[in-house]
Amino acid sequence: MYTRLRHKRNHHGIRDNYRRQRTRAYTRDLDQIQDDLKPENAEKKKNQAIDTDLPGLGQHYCIECARHFISEAHYAEHLKSKLHKRRLKKLEDEPYTQEEADRAAGISKPDNGKKGGRVLKTQDAVMED
């Protein structure tokens, strides 16, 4: 038999599950990873200094998935996994630019006319006393 108190407890439990999912560890977005894949940034990510807080002292890092691994064997196994291959397919597409997003939303650059200032086509009327 469901009582009023029992129903309240169920509802509270659902809300807590939502909070748990919402505040999970957030991974890097695809556009952030695209920036990491640029040659100057990729070299820094591959040759990181030893960090005792990271798994494997931060030495085994997958740039595409933004994940650290405990050992070289785990990293090599990850490279063969479906998750890594899916991420590679997603990263093949070029990221959208802000300009493309504005055009899709119907926002374009303002048309301010020709460069060089404003030109009056007609003279203003002069009032006589």
Protein backbone atom coordinates (compact mmCIF):
# COMPACT_ATOMS: atom_id res chain seq x y z
CA MET A 1 0.00 0.00 0.00
CA TYR A 2 1.38 3.38 -0.97
CA THR A 3 1.05 6.16 1.51
CA ARG A 4 1.69 9.79 1.05
CA LEU A 5 5.05 9.59 2.79
CA ARG A 6 6.13 6.66 0.64
CA HIS A 7 5.31 8.62 -2.53
CA LYS A 8 7.34 11.59 -1.34
CA ARG A 9 10.36 9.43 -0.69
CA ASN A 10 10.20 8.00 -4.20
CA HIS A 11 10.04 11.43 -5.75
CA HIS A 12 12.99 12.59 -3.69
CA GLY A 13 14.99 9.59 -4.86
CA ILE A 14 14.34 10.43 -8.52
CA ARG A 15 15.51 13.99 -7.99
CA ASP A 16 18.72 12.79 -6.38
CA ASN A 17 19.43 10.50 -9.35
CA TYR A 18 19.01 13.46 -11.67
CA ARG A 19 21.48 15.50 -9.61
CA ARG A 20 23.99 12.67 -9.63
CA GLN A 21 23.89 12.38 -13.42
CA ARG A 22 24.01 16.12 -13.96
CA THR A 23 27.09 16.67 -11.81
CA ARG A 24 29.17 13.73 -13.00
CA ALA A 25 32.74 14.29 -14.11
CA TYR A 26 32.43 16.30 -17.30
CA THR A 27 34.62 15.26 -20.22
CA ARG A 28 36.10 17.57 -22.82
CA ASP A 29 33.94 18.67 -25.75
CA LEU A 30 34.82 17.85 -29.34
CA ASP A 31 35.83 21.42 -30.17
CA GLN A 32 38.22 21.47 -27.19
CA ILE A 33 39.74 18.19 -28.39
CA GLN A 34 40.08 19.65 -31.92
CA ASP A 35 42.24 22.38 -30.39
CA ASP A 36 44.31 19.76 -28.54
CA LEU A 37 44.93 17.90 -31.81
CA LYS A 38 46.74 20.87 -33.37
CA PRO A 39 50.45 19.99 -33.69
CA GLU A 40 51.73 22.54 -31.16
CA ASN A 41 49.23 21.44 -28.51
CA ALA A 42 49.44 17.71 -29.28
CA GLU A 43 53.18 17.69 -28.59
CA LYS A 44 52.58 19.20 -25.14
CA LYS A 45 49.85 16.68 -24.33
CA LYS A 46 51.95 13.68 -25.40
CA ASN A 47 55.05 14.76 -23.45
CA GLN A 48 53.54 15.82 -20.13
CA ALA A 49 55.61 16.19 -17.01
CA ILE A 50 55.24 13.49 -14.34
CA ASP A 51 52.17 14.18 -12.21
CA THR A 52 51.54 11.91 -9.22
CA ASP A 53 47.84 12.83 -9.14
CA LEU A 54 47.13 11.38 -12.60
CA PRO A 55 46.82 7.69 -13.51
CA GLY A 56 50.11 6.27 -14.78
CA LEU A 57 51.83 9.47 -13.60
CA GLY A 58 50.25 11.26 -16.59
CA GLN A 59 52.51 9.50 -19.11
CA HIS A 60 49.90 7.50 -21.08
CA TYR A 61 47.34 9.97 -22.46
CA CYS A 62 44.89 9.56 -25.32
CA ILE A 63 44.39 13.01 -26.84
CA GLU A 64 41.32 12.03 -28.90
CA CYS A 65 39.43 10.70 -25.87
CA ALA A 66 41.03 13.04 -23.28
CA ARG A 67 41.81 10.11 -20.95
CA HIS A 68 44.82 9.03 -18.92
CA PHE A 69 45.77 5.35 -18.62
CA ILE A 70 47.63 3.40 -15.97
CA SER A 71 50.12 1.69 -18.28
CA GLU A 72 51.24 1.47 -21.88
CA ALA A 73 49.42 -1.89 -22.19
CA HIS A 74 46.10 -0.35 -21.14
CA TYR A 75 46.66 2.53 -23.54
CA ALA A 76 47.41 0.14 -26.43
CA GLU A 77 44.27 -1.85 -25.60
CA HIS A 78 42.24 1.36 -25.59
CA LEU A 79 43.48 2.29 -29.07
CA LYS A 80 41.83 -0.92 -30.40
CA SER A 81 38.52 -0.34 -28.60
CA LYS A 82 35.20 0.69 -30.14
CA LEU A 83 34.97 3.78 -27.94
CA HIS A 84 38.23 5.13 -29.32
CA LYS A 85 37.26 4.37 -32.92
CA ARG A 86 33.88 6.08 -32.48
CA ARG A 87 35.59 9.15 -31.08
CA LEU A 88 37.95 9.23 -34.09
CA LYS A 89 34.95 9.21 -36.45
CA LYS A 90 33.32 12.07 -34.57
CA LEU A 91 36.55 14.07 -34.74
CA GLU A 92 36.82 13.68 -38.54
CA ASP A 93 34.12 16.32 -39.01
CA GLU A 94 35.38 19.87 -38.75
CA PRO A 95 33.88 21.81 -35.85
CA TYR A 96 31.37 24.54 -36.51
CA THR A 97 32.61 28.10 -36.27
CA GLN A 98 30.77 30.92 -34.58
CA GLU A 99 30.16 32.49 -37.98
CA GLU A 100 28.37 29.33 -39.21
CA ALA A 101 26.27 29.22 -36.05
CA ASP A 102 25.25 32.86 -36.53
CA ARG A 103 24.27 32.23 -40.16
CA ALA A 104 22.19 29.21 -39.15
CA ALA A 105 20.39 31.37 -36.58
CA GLY A 106 19.67 34.01 -39.22
CA ILE A 107 22.15 36.50 -37.80
CA SER A 108 24.50 38.07 -40.31
CA LYS A 109 26.99 40.86 -40.31
CA PRO A 110 25.40 44.32 -40.51
CA ASP A 111 25.43 46.01 -43.90
CA ASN A 112 26.92 49.41 -43.20
CA GLY A 113 27.27 50.48 -46.80
CA LYS A 114 30.47 51.44 -48.53
CA LYS A 115 33.64 52.24 -46.65
CA GLY A 116 34.63 55.86 -46.34
CA GLY A 117 31.76 57.30 -44.42
CA ARG A 118 28.25 58.39 -45.13
CA VAL A 119 27.42 60.36 -48.26
CA LEU A 120 24.37 62.65 -48.40
CA LYS A 121 22.47 62.37 -51.65
CA THR A 122 20.34 65.49 -51.22
CA GLN A 123 20.89 68.84 -49.56
CA ASP A 124 18.89 69.73 -46.49
CA ALA A 125 16.26 72.40 -46.98
CA VAL A 126 17.32 75.87 -45.83
CA MET A 127 14.73 77.88 -43.93
CA GLU A 128 14.34 81.57 -44.69
CA ASP A 129 13.54 84.20 -42.03
